[in-house]
Protein backbone atom coordinates (compact mmCIF):
# COMPACT_ATOMS: atom_id res chain seq x y z
CA MET A 1 228.01 227.18 323.32
CA PRO A 2 224.81 226.70 324.92
CA PHE A 3 224.88 227.17 328.56
CA GLU A 4 220.27 226.50 329.07
CA LEU A 5 218.23 225.70 331.76
CA THR A 6 214.76 223.37 330.59
CA ILE A 7 211.86 223.52 333.39
CA LEU A 8 209.66 220.29 333.44
CA GLY A 9 208.78 220.61 336.58
CA SER A 10 207.58 223.62 338.85
CA SER A 11 204.94 221.72 341.59
CA SER A 12 205.82 220.80 345.05
CA ALA A 13 204.77 217.71 346.61
CA THR A 14 201.10 217.70 345.48
CA PRO A 15 200.86 218.05 341.30
CA THR A 16 198.37 220.11 340.09
CA TYR A 17 196.72 219.80 336.43
CA ASN A 18 199.10 222.15 334.22
CA ARG A 19 202.26 221.21 337.07
CA HIS A 20 204.73 218.95 337.51
CA PRO A 21 207.02 218.14 340.31
CA THR A 22 210.84 219.40 340.30
CA ALA A 23 212.86 218.05 336.97
CA GLN A 24 215.48 220.06 335.10
CA VAL A 25 217.58 219.64 332.56
CA LEU A 26 220.85 221.84 332.38
CA ASN A 27 222.84 222.06 329.20
CA ILE A 28 226.42 222.92 329.22
CA ARG A 29 228.11 222.85 325.71
CA GLU A 30 225.82 219.77 324.67
CA ARG A 31 226.59 218.08 328.24
CA PHE A 32 222.92 217.45 329.53
CA PHE A 33 222.32 217.32 333.22
CA LEU A 34 219.28 216.21 334.92
CA ILE A 35 218.19 218.13 337.93
CA ASP A 36 215.87 216.25 339.89
CA CYS A 37 213.34 213.58 339.26
CA GLY A 38 209.68 214.10 340.12
CA GLU A 39 206.71 212.09 338.66
CA GLY A 40 206.02 212.07 335.01
CA THR A 41 209.80 213.29 334.00
CA GLN A 42 210.37 211.26 331.30
CA THR A 43 207.09 212.27 330.03
CA GLN A 44 207.96 215.73 330.05
CA LEU A 45 211.54 214.88 328.34
CA VAL A 46 209.17 213.92 325.62
CA ARG A 47 207.05 216.69 325.25
CA TYR A 48 210.30 219.04 325.34
CA LYS A 49 212.14 217.38 322.71
CA LEU A 50 214.84 216.04 325.07
CA LYS A 51 216.29 212.63 324.64
CA TYR A 52 216.53 210.52 327.48
CA ASN A 53 220.05 209.21 326.16
CA ARG A 54 221.96 212.16 326.23
CA ILE A 55 221.78 212.55 329.66
CA SER A 56 224.73 211.79 331.36
CA HIS A 57 224.32 212.62 334.67
CA VAL A 58 221.49 212.99 337.11
CA PHE A 59 221.52 215.22 340.63
CA ILE A 60 219.05 214.64 343.26
CA SER A 61 218.89 216.74 345.59
CA HIS A 62 216.85 214.45 348.58
CA LEU A 63 214.66 212.00 349.37
CA HIS A 64 211.26 213.55 349.42
CA GLY A 65 209.03 211.90 346.46
CA ASP A 66 208.10 214.88 344.55
CA HIS A 67 212.08 215.01 343.79
CA TYR A 68 212.97 211.59 342.82
CA LEU A 69 210.06 209.62 342.47
CA GLY A 70 209.97 209.46 338.24
CA LEU A 71 213.78 208.38 338.34
CA MET A 72 212.72 204.46 338.45
CA GLY A 73 210.63 204.78 335.75
CA LEU A 74 213.37 206.40 333.94
CA LEU A 75 215.81 203.79 334.50
CA SER A 76 213.72 201.18 333.25
CA THR A 77 212.94 203.12 329.78
CA MET A 78 216.64 204.22 329.45
CA HIS A 79 217.30 200.12 330.19
CA LEU A 80 213.99 198.76 327.93
CA GLN A 81 215.26 201.54 324.86
CA GLY A 82 218.77 199.71 325.11
CA ARG A 83 221.28 202.32 326.01
CA THR A 84 224.24 201.13 326.74
CA ASN A 85 226.31 204.56 327.58
CA GLU A 86 227.06 204.68 331.48
CA LEU A 87 224.83 206.90 333.86
CA HIS A 88 226.45 208.63 336.63
CA LEU A 89 223.75 209.49 339.78
CA PHE A 90 224.21 211.84 342.82
CA ALA A 91 222.16 211.72 345.55
CA GLN A 92 222.15 210.27 349.55
CA GLN A 93 222.98 206.95 349.64
CA GLU A 94 219.44 205.65 350.49
CA LEU A 95 218.08 206.43 347.06
CA MET A 96 220.79 203.67 345.85
CA ASP A 97 218.96 200.76 348.30
CA ILE A 98 215.75 202.23 347.06
CA ILE A 99 217.11 201.20 343.52
CA GLU A 100 218.57 198.18 344.04
CA LEU A 101 215.42 196.23 346.26
CA GLN A 102 213.57 197.71 342.81
CA LEU A 103 215.46 195.99 340.29
CA ARG A 104 215.88 193.09 342.43
CA LEU A 105 212.26 192.74 343.27
CA SER A 106 211.89 193.37 339.30
CA GLN A 107 214.56 190.90 338.38
CA THR A 108 215.89 193.13 335.81
CA ILE A 109 220.05 194.06 335.36
CA LEU A 110 220.14 197.12 333.63
CA ARG A 111 221.54 197.04 329.98
CA TYR A 112 223.70 200.29 330.53
CA ASN A 113 226.20 200.57 333.96
CA LEU A 114 224.87 203.02 336.94
CA ILE A 115 227.52 204.47 338.40
CA PHE A 116 226.24 205.78 341.72
CA HIS A 117 228.40 208.65 343.72
CA PRO A 118 226.88 209.16 347.36
CA VAL A 119 225.89 212.86 348.85
CA LYS A 120 226.75 214.32 351.58
CA ASN A 121 224.84 217.14 352.50
CA TYR A 122 226.82 218.55 355.71
CA THR A 123 229.14 220.43 353.35
CA GLY A 124 230.29 221.89 350.14
CA THR A 125 232.26 219.26 348.52
CA LEU A 126 232.99 219.15 344.58
CA ILE A 127 231.59 216.20 343.40
CA HIS A 128 231.78 216.21 339.25
CA GLU A 129 234.62 217.58 337.35
CA ASP A 130 235.18 217.09 333.49
CA GLU A 131 236.96 219.32 330.99
CA ASP A 132 234.00 221.77 330.49
CA VAL A 133 232.30 221.53 333.99
CA THR A 134 232.86 221.42 337.65
CA VAL A 135 229.75 220.76 340.62
CA TRP A 136 229.95 221.27 343.66
CA THR A 137 227.28 220.71 346.30
CA ILE A 138 225.28 223.72 348.82
CA VAL A 139 224.13 222.94 352.21
CA LEU A 140 220.34 223.37 352.81
CA ASN A 141 217.83 223.03 355.35
CA HIS A 142 215.05 221.00 355.42
CA ARG A 143 213.37 218.49 357.22
CA VAL A 144 215.23 215.16 356.07
CA PRO A 145 219.10 215.98 354.37
CA CYS A 146 218.92 218.11 351.21
CA THR A 147 221.55 219.48 348.60
CA GLY A 148 221.80 222.12 346.09
CA PHE A 149 223.99 221.96 343.39
CA LEU A 150 226.51 224.95 341.77
CA PHE A 151 227.60 224.27 338.70
CA ARG A 152 230.59 226.51 337.11
CA GLU A 153 231.54 226.19 333.42
CA LYS A 154 235.14 226.11 333.02
CA PRO A 155 237.40 228.84 331.33
CA LYS A 156 237.55 227.96 327.60
CA PRO A 157 240.97 228.44 325.66
CA ARG A 158 241.36 231.95 324.00
CA LYS A 159 240.50 232.53 320.77
CA LEU A 160 244.02 233.09 318.32
CA LEU A 161 243.57 235.61 316.22
CA ILE A 162 244.65 234.07 312.88
CA SER A 163 246.09 237.36 310.96
CA LYS A 164 248.56 237.93 314.07
CA MET A 165 249.59 234.34 313.69
CA GLN A 166 250.67 234.93 310.29
CA GLN A 167 252.08 237.71 310.49
CA PHE A 168 254.50 236.87 313.35
CA ASN A 169 254.89 233.42 311.12
CA ILE A 170 254.10 231.71 314.70
CA PRO A 171 254.70 227.55 313.81
CA PHE A 172 251.68 225.28 314.73
CA LYS A 173 253.63 223.48 316.81
CA HIS A 174 253.00 226.54 319.42
CA PHE A 175 249.49 227.18 319.06
CA ALA A 176 248.00 225.03 321.74
CA GLY A 177 250.34 226.87 324.14
CA ILE A 178 249.12 229.87 322.96
CA LYS A 179 245.20 229.25 323.26
CA ASN A 180 245.45 227.87 326.69
CA GLY A 181 247.15 231.60 327.57
CA SER A 182 251.36 231.66 326.95
CA ASP A 183 252.86 234.13 325.44
CA TYR A 184 255.29 233.27 322.44
CA GLU A 185 259.05 233.53 322.04
CA ASP A 186 260.35 233.47 318.88
CA ASP A 187 263.79 232.37 317.80
CA PHE A 188 265.43 235.60 318.53
CA GLY A 189 264.23 235.94 322.04
CA LYS A 190 261.32 238.24 321.10
CA VAL A 191 258.40 237.76 323.52
CA ILE A 192 255.20 238.55 321.65
CA LYS A 193 252.48 239.05 324.41
CA ASN A 194 249.18 236.14 324.41
CA LYS A 195 246.91 239.60 324.73
CA ASP A 196 248.36 240.89 321.37
CA LEU A 197 247.46 237.16 319.52
CA THR A 198 244.45 236.30 321.27
CA ILE A 199 241.15 237.23 321.97
CA SER A 200 238.92 235.39 324.98
CA SER A 201 236.46 233.37 324.39
CA GLY A 202 234.23 234.56 327.06
CA LEU A 203 233.80 234.24 330.65
CA PRO A 204 232.72 231.31 332.54
CA ARG A 205 228.85 230.99 333.37
CA SER A 206 227.36 229.54 336.31
CA TYR A 207 223.90 228.08 337.52
CA ALA A 208 222.85 227.20 340.85
CA PHE A 209 219.85 224.78 341.79
CA CYS A 210 218.41 225.55 345.28
CA SER A 211 216.10 223.15 346.42
CA ASP A 212 213.68 222.73 349.21
CA THR A 213 215.38 224.81 351.97
CA LEU A 214 214.51 226.86 355.07
CA PHE A 215 215.20 230.30 354.38
CA ASN A 216 218.94 231.32 355.21
CA GLU A 217 220.83 234.48 354.81
CA GLN A 218 224.42 232.49 354.43
CA LEU A 219 223.35 230.65 351.55
CA ALA A 220 223.97 233.93 349.59
CA ASP A 221 227.52 233.39 349.69
CA GLU A 222 227.60 230.23 348.43
CA VAL A 223 226.13 231.07 345.44
CA LYS A 224 227.38 234.68 344.71
CA ASN A 225 227.71 236.26 341.78
CA VAL A 226 226.24 233.12 339.74
CA ASP A 227 224.68 234.04 336.01
CA LEU A 228 221.09 231.57 336.92
CA LEU A 229 220.15 231.12 340.46
CA TYR A 230 216.85 228.75 340.65
CA HIS A 231 215.39 229.18 344.38
CA GLU A 232 211.99 227.21 345.67
CA ALA A 233 209.35 229.40 346.65
CA THR A 234 206.59 227.28 348.00
CA PHE A 235 204.74 229.98 349.52
CA MET A 236 203.28 234.09 349.78
CA HIS A 237 205.44 235.81 352.31
CA ASP A 238 201.96 235.94 354.68
CA LEU A 239 202.59 232.28 355.09
CA VAL A 240 206.13 232.83 356.50
CA ASP A 241 205.01 231.05 359.41
CA ARG A 242 204.10 227.93 357.46
CA ALA A 243 207.13 227.98 355.37
CA LYS A 244 209.26 228.11 358.54
CA ALA A 245 207.26 224.63 359.72
CA THR A 246 207.71 222.69 356.77
CA PHE A 247 211.19 224.10 356.12
CA HIS A 248 210.57 226.01 353.00
CA SER A 249 211.51 229.69 351.77
CA THR A 250 208.67 232.52 350.95
CA CYS A 251 209.02 234.38 347.29
CA ILE A 252 210.70 237.49 349.58
CA GLU A 253 213.06 235.01 351.04
CA ALA A 254 214.43 233.94 347.56
CA ALA A 255 214.77 237.00 346.41
CA THR A 256 216.53 238.26 349.28
CA ILE A 257 219.11 235.33 348.47
CA ALA A 258 219.24 236.62 345.05
CA LYS A 259 219.62 240.38 345.82
CA ASN A 260 222.58 240.03 348.86
CA ALA A 261 224.06 237.31 346.36
CA THR A 262 223.69 239.84 343.23
CA VAL A 263 223.00 236.85 341.17
CA GLY A 264 222.05 237.52 337.29
CA LYS A 265 218.69 235.99 337.37
CA LEU A 266 216.46 234.55 339.70
CA ILE A 267 214.07 231.57 338.56
CA ILE A 268 211.12 230.71 341.52
CA GLY A 269 209.82 227.58 341.64
CA HIS A 270 207.93 224.70 343.85
CA PHE A 271 205.22 226.09 343.71
CA SER A 272 202.10 225.05 346.55
CA ALA A 273 199.31 223.52 344.71
CA ARG A 274 197.14 226.05 346.64
CA TYR A 275 198.48 228.73 344.55
CA LYS A 276 196.35 228.13 340.92
CA ASN A 277 197.50 231.88 339.75
CA LEU A 278 201.35 232.17 340.09
CA SER A 279 201.56 236.45 339.21
CA PRO A 280 200.88 237.10 342.46
CA LEU A 281 204.09 234.72 343.74
CA LEU A 282 205.98 236.89 340.44
CA SER A 283 204.81 240.68 341.79
CA GLU A 284 206.03 239.86 345.37
CA ALA A 285 209.39 238.24 344.88
CA LYS A 286 209.90 241.50 342.04
CA THR A 287 209.61 243.78 344.80
CA VAL A 288 212.90 242.40 346.59
CA PHE A 289 214.52 241.59 343.09
CA GLU A 290 213.28 242.87 340.19
CA ASN A 291 214.96 240.18 337.79
CA THR A 292 212.80 237.35 338.68
CA GLU A 293 211.34 235.02 336.36
CA LEU A 294 208.61 232.00 337.21
CA ALA A 295 209.78 228.05 336.87
CA LEU A 296 206.92 227.31 334.52
CA GLU A 297 206.97 223.75 332.36
CA GLY A 298 208.91 224.19 329.45
CA ASN A 299 210.62 227.64 329.87
CA LYS A 300 214.03 227.97 328.77
CA PHE A 301 216.67 230.18 330.39
CA ILE A 302 219.59 231.03 328.31
CA VAL A 303 222.51 232.53 329.48
CA ALA A 304 224.45 234.07 327.19
CA GLU A 305 228.23 234.05 326.38
CA LYS A 306 230.06 236.99 328.15
CA GLN A 307 233.23 238.88 327.08
CA GLU A 308 235.63 240.09 329.52
CA THR A 309 235.79 243.85 329.89
CA ILE A 310 238.67 245.96 329.80
């Protein structure tokens, strides 16, 4: 089952000719999550053949325009195209005030149910859970309240070894319990261990999205061992003073978080418009954490299924 991140935008506050403001789509087992929604997000969704109406949840990190100004247009397009499925929106409370004002002034009543979930930026909290995924907030330090998001895949049921099920004549009614980790006991009291009847379906995968934030070494503890980490890297390290003044991070700082957290892969983005060529930013980050890539528009990052090591 897929675990795939698509980058829709990688620029900071000022869009450039070939870079859009922050937006990403995360596909976990065919559940589609939109993370931030800068200007032009719906155009990017069309460009990369991602269907609006497959998005079930939207997560907005903070209320700077380059992270949410595309949302109202997207909500309106969903309405105009006749969406009826409910849409869940996670953000600071003030965003719903903005949406309600625009809907009222345009005399629009959405055709679908928009379910708003207010997010607190000062504590790490479980904000969403279903049968496949949990989503936790990550505390960030920016000029305005700002929240990161940690997506964790839930463990999948184990795979049955059909040959073993047949060998021991195990009735079908026990299959579900065995898939969920139970041993099997036959009518004579003989116990067959679960490990002899099943194999792993793969270890759970994880993705952490760290939007605009001042460098904070403690952040590494919150994203420890994630498979994929996005961390903003607005500036190269020669502008570290500028990064601090604007509550942003540098490439070196993002890579330091990745290294200290022993993540699988780092993606850097939210690049200042001053950088026309992004290669120096990538090279700088790689001096600290080699497995780093750029969050370029259209790039897809796939986390492959991982098997347990015995």
